[in-house]
Protein backbone atom coordinates (compact mmCIF):
# COMPACT_ATOMS: atom_id res chain seq x y z
CA MET A 1 0.00 0.00 0.00
CA ARG A 2 0.98 2.82 0.18
CA THR A 3 -2.78 16.50 -1.64
CA ALA A 4 -4.66 23.11 -1.93
CA ARG A 5 -6.39 26.06 -0.87
CA LYS A 6 -7.82 28.89 -2.98
CA LEU A 7 -5.47 31.63 -1.79
CA PRO A 8 -3.67 34.20 -3.91
CA ALA A 9 0.08 33.64 -3.99
CA ALA A 10 0.83 36.75 -1.94
CA LEU A 11 -1.64 35.72 0.75
CA ALA A 12 -0.28 32.19 0.73
CA ALA A 13 3.25 33.42 1.29
CA ALA A 14 2.33 35.90 4.00
CA GLY A 15 -0.63 34.26 5.66
CA LEU A 16 0.17 30.58 5.73
CA ALA A 17 3.22 31.19 7.83
CA LEU A 18 0.87 32.42 10.54
CA THR A 19 -1.28 29.31 10.53
CA THR A 20 -0.73 27.34 13.71
CA LEU A 21 -2.06 23.91 14.45
CA THR A 22 -1.38 22.75 17.97
CA ALA A 23 -1.27 19.27 19.38
CA CYS A 24 -2.04 20.43 22.90
CA GLY A 25 -3.67 23.69 23.95
CA GLY A 26 -3.07 27.01 22.22
CA ALA A 27 -0.17 28.17 20.12
CA SER A 28 3.03 28.79 22.03
CA GLY A 29 4.70 32.17 22.18
CA ALA A 30 7.30 33.55 19.81
CA GLY A 31 10.88 32.40 19.71
CA ALA A 32 12.49 28.99 19.80
CA SER A 33 12.96 28.62 23.58
CA ASP A 34 9.59 26.99 24.27
CA ASP A 35 11.15 23.52 24.29
CA ALA A 36 12.14 24.15 27.92
CA ASN A 37 8.43 23.69 28.70
CA GLY A 38 8.06 20.69 26.44
CA LYS A 39 6.73 22.85 23.62
CA ILE A 40 8.18 22.33 20.15
CA LYS A 41 7.57 24.31 16.97
CA ILE A 42 7.90 22.52 13.65
CA MET A 43 7.61 24.31 10.32
CA VAL A 44 6.20 22.26 7.45
CA GLY A 45 6.76 23.09 3.78
CA GLY A 46 3.03 22.78 3.06
CA LEU A 47 0.92 21.01 5.67
CA ASP A 48 -1.75 19.89 3.20
CA LYS A 49 0.74 18.29 0.80
CA VAL A 50 0.62 14.49 0.88
CA ILE A 51 4.44 14.33 0.83
CA TYR A 52 4.36 15.88 4.33
CA LEU A 53 1.25 14.03 5.51
CA PRO A 54 3.01 12.28 8.45
CA ALA A 55 3.40 15.61 10.27
CA ARG A 56 -0.31 16.37 10.59
CA LEU A 57 -1.26 12.71 10.85
CA THR A 58 1.04 12.26 13.86
CA GLN A 59 -0.85 15.09 15.51
CA GLN A 60 -4.26 13.71 14.49
CA LEU A 61 -3.40 10.29 15.94
CA GLY A 62 -2.35 11.85 19.25
CA TYR A 63 1.15 10.44 19.12
CA PHE A 64 2.85 13.70 20.13
CA GLU A 65 0.67 13.81 23.23
CA ASP A 66 1.40 10.16 23.95
CA GLU A 67 5.10 11.07 24.11
CA GLY A 68 4.40 13.98 26.46
CA ILE A 69 5.44 16.68 24.01
CA HIS A 70 3.43 19.71 22.89
CA VAL A 71 4.00 20.29 19.17
CA THR A 72 2.87 23.33 17.24
CA LEU A 73 2.82 22.76 13.50
CA LEU A 74 3.32 25.83 11.33
CA THR A 75 3.13 25.95 7.56
CA GLU A 76 4.93 27.68 4.71
CA PRO A 77 4.07 27.14 1.04
CA ALA A 78 7.59 25.98 0.12
CA GLY A 79 10.35 24.05 1.83
CA VAL A 80 12.95 26.77 1.25
CA GLN A 81 10.87 29.18 3.37
CA ALA A 82 10.54 26.56 6.09
CA THR A 83 14.33 26.22 6.14
CA THR A 84 14.68 29.98 6.62
CA SER A 85 12.52 29.70 9.74
CA LEU A 86 14.84 27.06 11.19
CA VAL A 87 18.04 28.97 10.44
CA SER A 88 16.58 32.14 11.97
CA GLY A 89 15.70 30.26 15.15
CA ASP A 90 11.93 30.70 14.90
CA VAL A 91 11.32 26.95 15.07
CA GLN A 92 13.10 23.89 16.43
CA GLY A 93 12.47 21.63 13.45
CA VAL A 94 11.32 21.45 9.85
CA VAL A 95 9.41 18.79 7.99
CA GLY A 96 10.86 19.31 4.55
CA PHE A 97 13.25 17.80 2.02
CA TYR A 98 16.50 16.29 3.23
CA ASP A 99 18.45 17.92 0.36
CA HIS A 100 18.38 21.26 2.22
CA THR A 101 20.77 19.81 4.83
CA LEU A 102 23.51 19.49 2.20
CA ASP A 103 22.87 22.95 0.77
CA LEU A 104 22.95 24.45 4.27
CA GLN A 105 26.16 22.65 5.25
CA VAL A 106 28.19 24.28 2.47
CA LYS A 107 26.75 27.60 3.70
CA GLY A 108 28.12 26.90 7.17
CA LYS A 109 24.90 25.68 8.81
CA GLN A 110 24.94 22.26 10.49
CA VAL A 111 21.49 20.71 10.08
CA GLU A 112 20.59 17.02 10.11
CA SER A 113 17.66 14.77 9.34
CA VAL A 114 16.59 12.91 12.49
CA VAL A 115 13.61 11.07 10.99
CA GLN A 116 13.70 10.13 7.31
CA LEU A 117 10.04 9.99 6.32
CA ALA A 118 10.55 9.15 2.65
CA HIS A 119 12.96 7.42 0.28
CA ALA A 120 11.54 8.87 -2.95
CA PRO A 121 10.78 12.51 -3.85
CA GLY A 122 7.01 12.13 -4.17
CA GLU A 123 7.24 14.74 -6.94
CA VAL A 124 5.63 14.65 -10.37
CA GLU A 125 6.67 16.64 -13.45
CA VAL A 126 3.51 17.57 -15.33
CA VAL A 127 2.94 19.37 -18.63
CA SER A 128 -0.10 21.31 -19.73
CA ASN A 129 -2.24 19.75 -22.42
CA LYS A 130 -1.32 22.61 -24.75
CA ALA A 131 2.42 21.99 -24.29
CA ALA A 132 2.25 18.19 -24.16
CA GLY A 133 3.12 17.84 -27.85
CA GLU A 134 6.33 19.87 -27.53
CA ILE A 135 7.51 18.62 -24.11
CA THR A 136 7.90 14.86 -24.21
CA SER A 137 10.97 14.63 -21.93
CA PRO A 138 13.24 16.96 -19.95
CA LYS A 139 15.27 17.36 -23.16
CA ASP A 140 12.48 19.70 -24.27
CA PHE A 141 12.74 22.08 -21.28
CA LYS A 142 14.78 24.61 -23.29
CA GLY A 143 12.92 27.91 -23.65
CA LYS A 144 10.06 26.78 -21.41
CA LYS A 145 8.54 28.25 -18.25
CA LEU A 146 8.38 25.56 -15.58
CA GLY A 147 6.52 25.86 -12.31
CA VAL A 148 8.21 25.16 -8.96
CA THR A 149 6.91 25.76 -5.45
CA GLY A 150 9.58 28.37 -4.77
CA LEU A 151 12.98 29.44 -6.10
CA GLY A 152 15.60 27.50 -4.16
CA SER A 153 13.04 24.86 -3.19
CA SER A 154 13.50 21.13 -3.71
CA THR A 155 11.20 21.24 -6.74
CA ASP A 156 13.56 23.89 -8.15
CA PHE A 157 16.56 21.66 -7.36
CA LEU A 158 15.05 18.59 -9.01
CA THR A 159 13.85 20.49 -12.08
CA LYS A 160 17.34 21.86 -12.64
CA TYR A 161 18.86 18.42 -12.26
CA LEU A 162 16.47 16.84 -14.76
CA ALA A 163 17.27 19.62 -17.23
CA VAL A 164 21.07 19.36 -16.89
CA LYS A 165 20.96 15.57 -16.97
CA ASN A 166 19.16 15.82 -20.30
CA GLY A 167 21.42 18.42 -21.91
CA VAL A 168 19.54 21.61 -21.03
CA GLN A 169 21.49 24.22 -19.02
CA THR A 170 19.79 25.95 -16.10
CA HIS A 171 19.86 29.34 -17.85
CA GLU A 172 18.04 27.92 -20.88
CA PHE A 173 14.64 27.61 -19.16
CA THR A 174 12.72 29.75 -16.68
CA PRO A 175 11.67 28.40 -13.27
CA VAL A 176 8.51 30.15 -12.05
CA ALA A 177 7.51 30.16 -8.36
CA VAL A 178 3.84 29.20 -8.37
CA GLY A 179 3.44 27.39 -5.06
CA ALA A 180 1.11 24.41 -5.01
CA GLY A 181 -2.60 23.74 -5.09
CA GLN A 182 -4.82 26.39 -6.59
CA THR A 183 -1.97 28.74 -7.52
CA PHE A 184 -0.25 25.95 -9.45
CA LEU A 185 -3.51 24.90 -11.11
CA SER A 186 -4.25 28.49 -12.16
CA ALA A 187 -0.76 29.00 -13.61
CA LEU A 188 -1.10 25.81 -15.65
CA GLN A 189 -4.62 26.66 -16.81
CA GLN A 190 -3.78 30.26 -17.76
CA GLY A 191 -0.64 29.26 -19.65
CA SER A 192 1.80 31.20 -17.48
CA ILE A 193 3.75 27.95 -17.19
CA HIS A 194 4.17 25.16 -19.72
CA GLY A 195 4.49 22.56 -16.99
CA GLY A 196 6.06 22.11 -13.63
CA MET A 197 6.88 19.98 -10.64
CA THR A 198 4.32 19.42 -7.92
CA THR A 199 2.89 16.85 -5.55
CA ASP A 200 -0.41 15.40 -4.49
CA PRO A 201 -3.16 16.46 -4.00
CA THR A 202 -2.30 18.96 -6.77
CA VAL A 203 -1.37 16.16 -9.18
CA ALA A 204 -4.68 14.37 -8.61
CA GLN A 205 -6.59 17.60 -9.27
CA ILE A 206 -4.64 18.32 -12.48
CA LEU A 207 -5.54 14.91 -13.84
CA ASP A 208 -9.13 15.07 -12.59
CA LYS A 209 -9.70 18.48 -14.21
CA ASN A 210 -7.83 17.36 -17.34
CA LEU A 211 -5.43 20.32 -17.14
CA GLY A 212 -2.31 18.37 -18.01
CA LYS A 213 -0.43 15.11 -18.24
CA VAL A 214 2.24 13.33 -16.20
CA LEU A 215 5.72 13.56 -17.74
CA LEU A 216 7.77 12.01 -14.92
CA ASP A 217 6.44 10.27 -11.82
CA MET A 218 8.78 10.14 -8.80
CA ARG A 219 6.25 9.04 -6.21
CA THR A 220 7.74 5.56 -5.98
CA PRO A 221 11.27 4.24 -5.36
CA GLU A 222 11.16 2.79 -8.89
CA GLY A 223 10.27 6.21 -10.31
CA SER A 224 13.09 7.80 -8.32
CA GLN A 225 15.54 5.22 -9.62
CA LYS A 226 14.49 5.84 -13.21
CA ALA A 227 14.58 9.66 -13.03
CA LEU A 228 17.42 10.23 -10.56
CA GLY A 229 19.47 7.05 -10.62
CA GLY A 230 18.85 5.93 -7.06
CA PRO A 231 16.79 6.37 -3.88
CA TYR A 232 16.19 10.05 -3.17
CA PRO A 233 15.43 10.64 0.51
CA SER A 234 13.09 13.60 0.60
CA SER A 235 10.53 14.38 3.31
CA SER A 236 12.20 14.35 6.71
CA LEU A 237 12.23 15.96 10.11
CA TYR A 238 15.45 17.96 10.18
CA MET A 239 16.87 20.09 12.95
CA ASN A 240 19.99 22.03 13.93
CA ARG A 241 22.66 19.54 15.04
CA ASP A 242 23.59 21.57 18.13
CA TRP A 243 19.94 21.61 19.22
CA VAL A 244 19.61 17.87 18.64
CA ASN A 245 22.71 17.12 20.70
CA SER A 246 21.51 19.24 23.60
CA HIS A 247 17.90 17.94 23.54
CA LYS A 248 18.30 14.24 22.89
CA GLU A 249 15.41 13.16 25.08
CA THR A 250 12.99 15.46 23.25
CA VAL A 251 14.28 14.38 19.84
CA HIS A 252 13.85 10.75 20.83
CA LYS A 253 10.21 11.44 21.75
CA LEU A 254 9.65 13.15 18.39
CA ALA A 255 11.23 10.19 16.60
CA ASN A 256 9.03 7.77 18.53
CA ALA A 257 5.90 9.67 17.50
CA PHE A 258 6.83 9.88 13.82
CA VAL A 259 7.91 6.24 13.58
CA LYS A 260 4.62 5.13 15.16
CA THR A 261 2.84 7.13 12.46
CA LEU A 262 4.87 5.60 9.64
CA LYS A 263 4.06 2.12 10.93
CA TRP A 264 0.37 3.04 11.28
CA MET A 265 0.33 4.27 7.69
CA SER A 266 1.80 0.99 6.45
CA THR A 267 -1.05 -1.02 7.99
CA HIS A 268 -4.02 1.17 7.02
CA THR A 269 -5.77 1.91 3.74
CA PRO A 270 -5.61 5.27 1.94
CA GLU A 271 -9.28 5.75 2.85
CA GLN A 272 -8.55 5.17 6.54
CA ILE A 273 -5.63 7.60 6.40
CA ALA A 274 -7.72 10.23 4.60
CA ALA A 275 -10.46 9.88 7.24
CA LYS A 276 -7.97 10.93 9.94
CA MET A 277 -6.96 14.11 8.14
CA PRO A 278 -8.73 17.50 8.33
CA ALA A 279 -11.72 17.64 5.99
CA ASP A 280 -10.46 20.79 4.22
CA TYR A 281 -7.37 18.93 2.98
CA ALA A 282 -9.62 17.02 0.56
CA GLN A 283 -10.11 19.97 -1.80
CA GLY A 284 -11.07 17.75 -4.71
CA GLY A 285 -13.36 15.55 -2.65
CA LYS A 286 -12.81 12.55 -0.37
CA LYS A 287 -12.46 10.02 -3.16
CA LEU A 288 -9.85 12.05 -5.04
CA TYR A 289 -7.95 12.76 -1.83
CA ALA A 290 -7.80 9.06 -0.98
CA GLN A 291 -6.52 8.36 -4.49
CA ALA A 292 -3.82 11.02 -4.06
CA ILE A 293 -2.72 9.36 -0.82
CA LYS A 294 -2.71 5.94 -2.46
CA ASP A 295 -0.52 7.18 -5.33
CA THR A 296 1.96 8.82 -2.92
CA LEU A 297 2.22 6.19 -0.17
CA PRO A 298 5.08 4.25 -1.82
CA MET A 299 7.42 7.17 -1.15
CA PHE A 300 7.30 6.74 2.63
CA THR A 301 9.60 4.64 4.79
CA GLU A 302 8.14 2.41 7.48
CA ASP A 303 10.87 2.98 10.07
CA GLY A 304 12.26 6.50 9.57
CA VAL A 305 15.72 5.15 8.72
CA MET A 306 17.83 6.83 6.04
CA PRO A 307 18.20 4.53 2.98
CA ALA A 308 21.82 3.40 2.62
CA ASP A 309 22.55 4.95 -0.79
CA GLY A 310 20.20 7.92 -0.38
CA PRO A 311 22.59 10.67 0.76
CA ALA A 312 25.03 9.88 -2.06
CA THR A 313 22.24 10.14 -4.65
CA VAL A 314 21.18 13.53 -3.27
CA GLU A 315 24.77 14.79 -3.30
CA ARG A 316 25.24 13.66 -6.91
CA VAL A 317 21.99 15.33 -7.98
CA LEU A 318 22.79 18.64 -6.28
CA LYS A 319 26.38 18.77 -7.53
CA ALA A 320 25.16 18.37 -11.12
CA PHE A 321 23.74 21.92 -11.20
CA ASN A 322 24.36 23.73 -7.91
CA PRO A 323 27.54 25.90 -8.12
CA ASN A 324 27.65 26.14 -4.30
CA LEU A 325 28.02 22.37 -4.00
CA LYS A 326 29.79 21.47 -7.24
CA ASN A 327 33.33 21.76 -5.89
CA ALA A 328 32.50 21.66 -2.18
CA THR A 329 33.22 18.81 0.20
CA VAL A 330 30.09 17.65 1.99
CA ASP A 331 30.32 15.51 5.13
CA LEU A 332 27.25 13.37 4.49
CA LYS A 333 27.48 11.70 7.89
CA LYS A 334 26.69 15.07 9.46
CA THR A 335 23.54 15.57 7.38
CA TYR A 336 21.50 12.82 9.04
CA THR A 337 21.35 10.50 12.01
CA SER A 338 19.44 7.24 12.53
CA GLU A 339 20.33 7.22 16.24
CA PHE A 340 16.85 8.12 17.41
CA VAL A 341 14.65 6.15 15.02
CA LYS A 342 16.62 2.94 15.60
CA LYS A 343 15.71 3.22 19.29
CA SER A 344 12.04 3.64 18.45
CA GLY A 345 9.60 0.80 18.18
């Protein structure tokens, strides 16, 4: 076995960051010192995206509470904005793509994944129906406008890699920050992008509304292997290494909660998972939302452990196009730890 709100882009960028969803009681105060009272803030790169579903599901199942921790989930429309919140000290953790830990390390920031939620990107490259005849592979990206959630986001990273891998230089196409959900759908429908990279439930809605076609599907390990040449660990809980080392008990509790969720997901149907999620996440209807979950479930791990060859794949992908990493030495062992998840169970 093994998902977008109708908000203008400006409102999404400004307003979503203020959305708080608390596991226990009201939202905690500003700053990142609340952990002293057992209160943790985690920024998610899009709470209603299926690729980050374990964050809200853990809360819905009560697993944070079971561990005695009070978690406030915050949301940003793109992972790169979530990372900014971590670096600035506004939150203790981020549920976002693992690849940011490598990018941050070469910028002097020591961040590590403590729970690896996924071993495939969960991303899909789609093309509009109008452009489908002229874009049949990433070789055709030249001269095109391609949607990404945000500039510097993981969708931006992966789009650039697919282009370079197929002989198109990064300056030969235009990445356009269109977010996800309704803003992505509108950009595709209005022709302001020829295609782009997005996730469920946006993918399910594109297909349901017949707005475009799937070009590359990376929601499964097999799809990741085909497009990227190996497992691509993506969705994860990552945190500042110094904070992790000085709050090991709290991190262990977080790992316990997330691993319990991953195991729960592996033994329940997409319909059962969808039923646990907030009703407004199913923008296209319950049936379509369940289908989006079903299509994305293969990306998730069942134990939160980093796949053996995953970090090397991510490093190879990033070095193919990212000038900051191309000639840099990355200490991959400092970008993740399985210490906490291996003690969970």
